[in-house]
């Protein structure tokens, strides 16, 4: 009799352990399912990109959204200097993709770069362009003064700074300080008074030449993608004159973002650095052979 009672008690205890175990397993499963659901929550990330990245980044966002349709990627494309100012003024931003190191250096000095996320992604090259078969006498920066009109980005715009640096190295311009401080008026004077239309970003330089508003302009090689039948590249400016045209990216400290938004920004950042993204950048005339 006593043995039967002991067996019954043991059976009851074993059944209780099994129920608790099954409940725990069910709880773990629910936790995992909830985590998966959270990762698929709809969210929106703000990505600030140099104007020269607009076309290729739109393509990358399209590819990313094939696997992540729940993430809306909103781009703000402008000159890197303008974007830096906007971030410093408090504009909500999750990722910053600059066309030059100077703006990224400043953002880092401001304490707005998420630790460990700054990475060099691309190199580019300055080119002198004109409309196809324009008959211009200009062959490159060396005889830029022969142009009737020039589209040139301002000194705070990376392509404008790189162009000024090249002209300084050629001896066309002189400066005792930062090349980006050389005004458009001084550039015009150094080129014999040629008419210069100062543009806010590289895309506007391209448009000014492509629409015939200006005879020549300086832009990036990547910006000529899709304009092969409309534009002539008069000169591809060597790195000896401009220095490397490095594009760095970083994740930005965004106090307004929730966990889902921050996680999505981090994931898209990783995608931009992926081998899959490299192939897209290469197709759009960017150089991805850079040290990160």
Foldseek 3Di string as FASTA:
>chain_A
DVVVVVVVVVVVVVVVVVVVVVVVVVVVVVVVVVVVVLLLAADEAEEEEEQLCVPLVVVLVVVVCVVRVSYHYHYDYFFLLVVLVCVVVPDFHFKYKHQAVVSVVVLVVVVWFDPPFKDWFFWWFKFKKAWPPLPQPDLGPVLPLSWQEEEAEALSGLQNQLSQQLCVVVVLDDDPDRSNPQGPCRSCVSSVNHHYDYDRHQVVRVVCRQVPVTGMYMHIPLSCVVVPNTMDGSDTDDCVRRPIRIIIMGTTDGPVDDPNRNVVSVVSSVSCRDPVVVVSCVVSVIGRPDGD
